[in-house]
Amino acid sequence: MLEDIVMILSGRKDYEEGSLWKGLSEEQKQEVLASESEIGDESAWVSHKEMKRRNSRWLK
């Protein structure tokens, strides 16, 4: 586990800002942008209480 952490942290020194975005396909970029716009639409939000109610059969 420590080796995994060291690998993750050492990769940060080689990180180039924007490289993740550049690595996405056009379809993936469009999905990210669509998701970002949905975040601002509060009518699409579901409360924690409602999610628990909807999924109660799996939460027992």
PDB file of N, CA and C in Angstrom:
ATOM      1  N   MET A   1       0.821  -1.177   0.000  1.00  0.00           N
ATOM      2  CA  MET A   1       0.000   0.000   0.000  1.00  0.00           C
ATOM      3  C   MET A   1       0.873   1.252   0.000  1.00  0.00           C
ATOM      4  N   LEU A   2       1.931   1.226   0.767  1.00  0.00           N
ATOM      5  CA  LEU A   2       2.838   2.374   0.804  1.00  0.00           C
ATOM      6  C   LEU A   2       3.483   2.619  -0.558  1.00  0.00           C
ATOM      7  N   GLU A   3       3.784   1.532  -1.251  1.00  0.00           N
ATOM      8  CA  GLU A   3       4.363   1.690  -2.587  1.00  0.00           C
ATOM      9  C   GLU A   3       3.384   2.395  -3.522  1.00  0.00           C
ATOM     10  N   ASP A   4       2.094   2.047  -3.402  1.00  0.00           N
ATOM     11  CA  ASP A   4       1.070   2.698  -4.218  1.00  0.00           C
ATOM     12  C   ASP A   4       0.993   4.187  -3.912  1.00  0.00           C
ATOM     13  N   ILE A   5       1.058   4.530  -2.642  1.00  0.00           N
ATOM     14  CA  ILE A   5       1.006   5.937  -2.237  1.00  0.00           C
ATOM     15  C   ILE A   5       2.213   6.684  -2.776  1.00  0.00           C
ATOM     16  N   VAL A   6       3.381   6.087  -2.679  1.00  0.00           N
ATOM     17  CA  VAL A   6       4.600   6.721  -3.194  1.00  0.00           C
ATOM     18  C   VAL A   6       4.478   6.931  -4.694  1.00  0.00           C
ATOM     19  N   MET A   7       3.933   5.941  -5.418  1.00  0.00           N
ATOM     20  CA  MET A   7       3.756   6.087  -6.872  1.00  0.00           C
ATOM     21  C   MET A   7       2.816   7.244  -7.194  1.00  0.00           C
ATOM     22  N   ILE A   8       1.716   7.339  -6.459  1.00  0.00           N
ATOM     23  CA  ILE A   8       0.750   8.417  -6.695  1.00  0.00           C
ATOM     24  C   ILE A   8       1.388   9.773  -6.437  1.00  0.00           C
ATOM     25  N   LEU A   9       2.066   9.900  -5.309  1.00  0.00           N
ATOM     26  CA  LEU A   9       2.671  11.179  -4.951  1.00  0.00           C
ATOM     27  C   LEU A   9       3.831  11.543  -5.871  1.00  0.00           C
ATOM     28  N   SER A  10       4.594  10.579  -6.281  1.00  0.00           N
ATOM     29  CA  SER A  10       5.716  10.885  -7.162  1.00  0.00           C
ATOM     30  C   SER A  10       5.225  11.290  -8.548  1.00  0.00           C
ATOM     31  N   GLY A  11       4.071  10.790  -8.950  1.00  0.00           N
ATOM     32  CA  GLY A  11       3.492  11.173 -10.229  1.00  0.00           C
ATOM     33  C   GLY A  11       3.055  12.622 -10.249  1.00  0.00           C
ATOM     34  N   ARG A  12       2.786  13.199  -9.092  1.00  0.00           N
ATOM     35  CA  ARG A  12       2.350  14.589  -9.018  1.00  0.00           C
ATOM     36  C   ARG A  12       3.439  15.555  -9.438  1.00  0.00           C
ATOM     37  N   LYS A  13       4.690  15.197  -9.224  1.00  0.00           N
ATOM     38  CA  LYS A  13       5.771  16.120  -9.591  1.00  0.00           C
ATOM     39  C   LYS A  13       5.893  16.233 -11.112  1.00  0.00           C
ATOM     40  N   ASP A  14       5.424  15.205 -11.837  1.00  0.00           N
ATOM     41  CA  ASP A  14       5.475  15.211 -13.291  1.00  0.00           C
ATOM     42  C   ASP A  14       4.163  15.692 -13.907  1.00  0.00           C
ATOM     43  N   TYR A  15       3.217  16.093 -13.057  1.00  0.00           N
ATOM     44  CA  TYR A  15       1.895  16.486 -13.533  1.00  0.00           C
ATOM     45  C   TYR A  15       1.952  17.807 -14.291  1.00  0.00           C
ATOM     46  N   GLU A  16       1.330  17.820 -15.443  1.00  0.00           N
ATOM     47  CA  GLU A  16       1.245  19.038 -16.245  1.00  0.00           C
ATOM     48  C   GLU A  16      -0.211  19.503 -16.218  1.00  0.00           C
ATOM     49  N   GLU A  17      -0.451  20.738 -15.804  1.00  0.00           N
ATOM     50  CA  GLU A  17      -1.808  21.253 -15.713  1.00  0.00           C
ATOM     51  C   GLU A  17      -2.507  21.144 -17.069  1.00  0.00           C
ATOM     52  N   GLY A  18      -3.718  20.619 -17.033  1.00  0.00           N
ATOM     53  CA  GLY A  18      -4.499  20.458 -18.258  1.00  0.00           C
ATOM     54  C   GLY A  18      -4.284  19.133 -18.966  1.00  0.00           C
ATOM     55  N   SER A  19      -3.356  18.325 -18.486  1.00  0.00           N
ATOM     56  CA  SER A  19      -3.061  17.063 -19.175  1.00  0.00           C
ATOM     57  C   SER A  19      -4.229  16.081 -19.103  1.00  0.00           C
ATOM     58  N   LEU A  20      -4.963  16.107 -18.019  1.00  0.00           N
ATOM     59  CA  LEU A  20      -6.115  15.205 -17.904  1.00  0.00           C
ATOM     60  C   LEU A  20      -7.156  15.569 -18.964  1.00  0.00           C
ATOM     61  N   TRP A  21      -7.471  16.857 -19.076  1.00  0.00           N
ATOM     62  CA  TRP A  21      -8.455  17.314 -20.063  1.00  0.00           C
ATOM     63  C   TRP A  21      -8.002  16.979 -21.485  1.00  0.00           C
ATOM     64  N   LYS A  22      -6.727  17.191 -21.762  1.00  0.00           N
ATOM     65  CA  LYS A  22      -6.190  16.920 -23.095  1.00  0.00           C
ATOM     66  C   LYS A  22      -6.278  15.442 -23.446  1.00  0.00           C
ATOM     67  N   GLY A  23      -6.257  14.586 -22.433  1.00  0.00           N
ATOM     68  CA  GLY A  23      -6.294  13.145 -22.657  1.00  0.00           C
ATOM     69  C   GLY A  23      -7.688  12.587 -22.898  1.00  0.00           C
ATOM     70  N   LEU A  24      -8.718  13.426 -22.726  1.00  0.00           N
ATOM     71  CA  LEU A  24     -10.087  12.965 -22.926  1.00  0.00           C
ATOM     72  C   LEU A  24     -10.479  13.037 -24.397  1.00  0.00           C
ATOM     73  N   SER A  25     -11.359  12.134 -24.792  1.00  0.00           N
ATOM     74  CA  SER A  25     -11.899  12.187 -26.153  1.00  0.00           C
ATOM     75  C   SER A  25     -12.904  13.344 -26.214  1.00  0.00           C
ATOM     76  N   GLU A  26     -13.308  13.730 -27.417  1.00  0.00           N
ATOM     77  CA  GLU A  26     -14.300  14.808 -27.564  1.00  0.00           C
ATOM     78  C   GLU A  26     -15.616  14.423 -26.895  1.00  0.00           C
ATOM     79  N   GLU A  27     -15.994  13.156 -27.014  1.00  0.00           N
ATOM     80  CA  GLU A  27     -17.229  12.685 -26.381  1.00  0.00           C
ATOM     81  C   GLU A  27     -17.140  12.815 -24.858  1.00  0.00           C
ATOM     82  N   GLN A  28     -16.010  12.435 -24.286  1.00  0.00           N
ATOM     83  CA  GLN A  28     -15.825  12.542 -22.844  1.00  0.00           C
ATOM     84  C   GLN A  28     -15.851  14.000 -22.402  1.00  0.00           C
ATOM     85  N   LYS A  29     -15.235  14.869 -23.173  1.00  0.00           N
ATOM     86  CA  LYS A  29     -15.247  16.295 -22.839  1.00  0.00           C
ATOM     87  C   LYS A  29     -16.670  16.838 -22.830  1.00  0.00           C
ATOM     88  N   GLN A  30     -17.470  16.438 -23.826  1.00  0.00           N
ATOM     89  CA  GLN A  30     -18.855  16.899 -23.893  1.00  0.00           C
ATOM     90  C   GLN A  30     -19.665  16.390 -22.702  1.00  0.00           C
ATOM     91  N   GLU A  31     -19.400  15.155 -22.275  1.00  0.00           N
ATOM     92  CA  GLU A  31     -20.093  14.603 -21.113  1.00  0.00           C
ATOM     93  C   GLU A  31     -19.728  15.366 -19.848  1.00  0.00           C
ATOM     94  N   VAL A  32     -18.463  15.715 -19.695  1.00  0.00           N
ATOM     95  CA  VAL A  32     -18.027  16.496 -18.535  1.00  0.00           C
ATOM     96  C   VAL A  32     -18.710  17.852 -18.536  1.00  0.00           C
ATOM     97  N   LEU A  33     -18.733  18.521 -19.671  1.00  0.00           N
ATOM     98  CA  LEU A  33     -19.362  19.837 -19.768  1.00  0.00           C
ATOM     99  C   LEU A  33     -20.863  19.761 -19.498  1.00  0.00           C
ATOM    100  N   ALA A  34     -21.522  18.718 -19.990  1.00  0.00           N
ATOM    101  CA  ALA A  34     -22.955  18.536 -19.737  1.00  0.00           C
ATOM    102  C   ALA A  34     -23.202  18.291 -18.249  1.00  0.00           C
ATOM    103  N   SER A  35     -22.366  17.491 -17.626  1.00  0.00           N
ATOM    104  CA  SER A  35     -22.502  17.217 -16.192  1.00  0.00           C
ATOM    105  C   SER A  35     -22.309  18.484 -15.384  1.00  0.00           C
ATOM    106  N   GLU A  36     -21.353  19.288 -15.798  1.00  0.00           N
ATOM    107  CA  GLU A  36     -21.070  20.531 -15.102  1.00  0.00           C
ATOM    108  C   GLU A  36     -22.291  21.455 -15.135  1.00  0.00           C
ATOM    109  N   SER A  37     -22.985  21.516 -16.255  1.00  0.00           N
ATOM    110  CA  SER A  37     -24.165  22.369 -16.345  1.00  0.00           C
ATOM    111  C   SER A  37     -25.318  21.811 -15.518  1.00  0.00           C
ATOM    112  N   GLU A  38     -25.401  20.484 -15.392  1.00  0.00           N
ATOM    113  CA  GLU A  38     -26.453  19.868 -14.588  1.00  0.00           C
ATOM    114  C   GLU A  38     -26.289  20.173 -13.106  1.00  0.00           C
ATOM    115  N   ILE A  39     -25.067  20.362 -12.668  1.00  0.00           N
ATOM    116  CA  ILE A  39     -24.806  20.649 -11.253  1.00  0.00           C
ATOM    117  C   ILE A  39     -25.527  21.922 -10.832  1.00  0.00           C
ATOM    118  N   GLY A  40     -25.597  22.889 -11.721  1.00  0.00           N
ATOM    119  CA  GLY A  40     -26.236  24.154 -11.399  1.00  0.00           C
ATOM    120  C   GLY A  40     -27.750  24.100 -11.403  1.00  0.00           C
ATOM    121  N   ASP A  41     -28.337  23.014 -11.887  1.00  0.00           N
ATOM    122  CA  ASP A  41     -29.789  22.875 -11.952  1.00  0.00           C
ATOM    123  C   ASP A  41     -30.298  22.223 -10.681  1.00  0.00           C
ATOM    124  N   GLU A  42     -30.668  23.041  -9.711  1.00  0.00           N
ATOM    125  CA  GLU A  42     -31.090  22.515  -8.410  1.00  0.00           C
ATOM    126  C   GLU A  42     -32.353  21.666  -8.493  1.00  0.00           C
ATOM    127  N   SER A  43     -33.151  21.821  -9.537  1.00  0.00           N
ATOM    128  CA  SER A  43     -34.364  21.004  -9.668  1.00  0.00           C
ATOM    129  C   SER A  43     -34.026  19.533  -9.905  1.00  0.00           C
ATOM    130  N   ALA A  44     -32.810  19.255 -10.340  1.00  0.00           N
ATOM    131  CA  ALA A  44     -32.384  17.874 -10.588  1.00  0.00           C
ATOM    132  C   ALA A  44     -31.778  17.222  -9.344  1.00  0.00           C
ATOM    133  N   TRP A  45     -31.576  18.006  -8.303  1.00  0.00           N
ATOM    134  CA  TRP A  45     -30.966  17.469  -7.081  1.00  0.00           C
ATOM    135  C   TRP A  45     -31.956  16.604  -6.323  1.00  0.00           C
ATOM    136  N   VAL A  46     -31.434  15.587  -5.649  1.00  0.00           N
ATOM    137  CA  VAL A  46     -32.238  14.705  -4.813  1.00  0.00           C
ATOM    138  C   VAL A  46     -31.622  14.722  -3.417  1.00  0.00           C
ATOM    139  N   SER A  47     -32.463  14.915  -2.419  1.00  0.00           N
ATOM    140  CA  SER A  47     -31.952  14.980  -1.048  1.00  0.00           C
ATOM    141  C   SER A  47     -31.475  13.610  -0.570  1.00  0.00           C
ATOM    142  N   HIS A  48     -30.658  13.642   0.443  1.00  0.00           N
ATOM    143  CA  HIS A  48     -30.164  12.406   1.048  1.00  0.00           C
ATOM    144  C   HIS A  48     -31.339  11.585   1.586  1.00  0.00           C
ATOM    145  N   LYS A  49     -32.279  12.271   2.210  1.00  0.00           N
ATOM    146  CA  LYS A  49     -33.457  11.601   2.766  1.00  0.00           C
ATOM    147  C   LYS A  49     -34.246  10.886   1.662  1.00  0.00           C
ATOM    148  N   GLU A  50     -34.432  11.556   0.523  1.00  0.00           N
ATOM    149  CA  GLU A  50     -35.157  10.959  -0.602  1.00  0.00           C
ATOM    150  C   GLU A  50     -34.398   9.767  -1.182  1.00  0.00           C
ATOM    151  N   MET A  51     -33.094   9.877  -1.291  1.00  0.00           N
ATOM    152  CA  MET A  51     -32.299   8.754  -1.803  1.00  0.00           C
ATOM    153  C   MET A  51     -32.398   7.549  -0.879  1.00  0.00           C
ATOM    154  N   LYS A  52     -32.384   7.806   0.421  1.00  0.00           N
ATOM    155  CA  LYS A  52     -32.542   6.706   1.367  1.00  0.00           C
ATOM    156  C   LYS A  52     -33.910   6.052   1.202  1.00  0.00           C
ATOM    157  N   ARG A  53     -34.950   6.867   0.991  1.00  0.00           N
ATOM    158  CA  ARG A  53     -36.292   6.325   0.813  1.00  0.00           C
ATOM    159  C   ARG A  53     -36.355   5.477  -0.468  1.00  0.00           C
ATOM    160  N   ARG A  54     -35.808   5.984  -1.552  1.00  0.00           N
ATOM    161  CA  ARG A  54     -35.845   5.276  -2.827  1.00  0.00           C
ATOM    162  C   ARG A  54     -35.069   3.967  -2.788  1.00  0.00           C
ATOM    163  N   ASN A  55     -34.030   3.916  -1.982  1.00  0.00           N
ATOM    164  CA  ASN A  55     -33.138   2.744  -1.964  1.00  0.00           C
ATOM    165  C   ASN A  55     -33.248   1.951  -0.666  1.00  0.00           C
ATOM    166  N   SER A  56     -34.345   2.150   0.059  1.00  0.00           N
ATOM    167  CA  SER A  56     -34.472   1.526   1.375  1.00  0.00           C
ATOM    168  C   SER A  56     -34.378   0.005   1.335  1.00  0.00           C
ATOM    169  N   ARG A  57     -34.859  -0.614   0.269  1.00  0.00           N
ATOM    170  CA  ARG A  57     -34.821  -2.083   0.230  1.00  0.00           C
ATOM    171  C   ARG A  57     -33.380  -2.603   0.184  1.00  0.00           C
ATOM    172  N   TRP A  58     -32.432  -1.823  -0.322  1.00  0.00           N
ATOM    173  CA  TRP A  58     -31.039  -2.251  -0.360  1.00  0.00           C
ATOM    174  C   TRP A  58     -30.253  -1.820   0.880  1.00  0.00           C
ATOM    175  N   LEU A  59     -30.835  -0.940   1.668  1.00  0.00           N
ATOM    176  CA  LEU A  59     -30.132  -0.417   2.837  1.00  0.00           C
ATOM    177  C   LEU A  59     -30.433  -1.202   4.111  1.00  0.00           C
ATOM    178  N   LYS A  60     -31.245  -2.230   4.014  1.00  0.00           N
ATOM    179  CA  LYS A  60     -31.611  -3.018   5.211  1.00  0.00           C
ATOM    180  C   LYS A  60     -30.545  -3.991   5.580  1.00  0.00           C
TER     181      LYS A  60
END
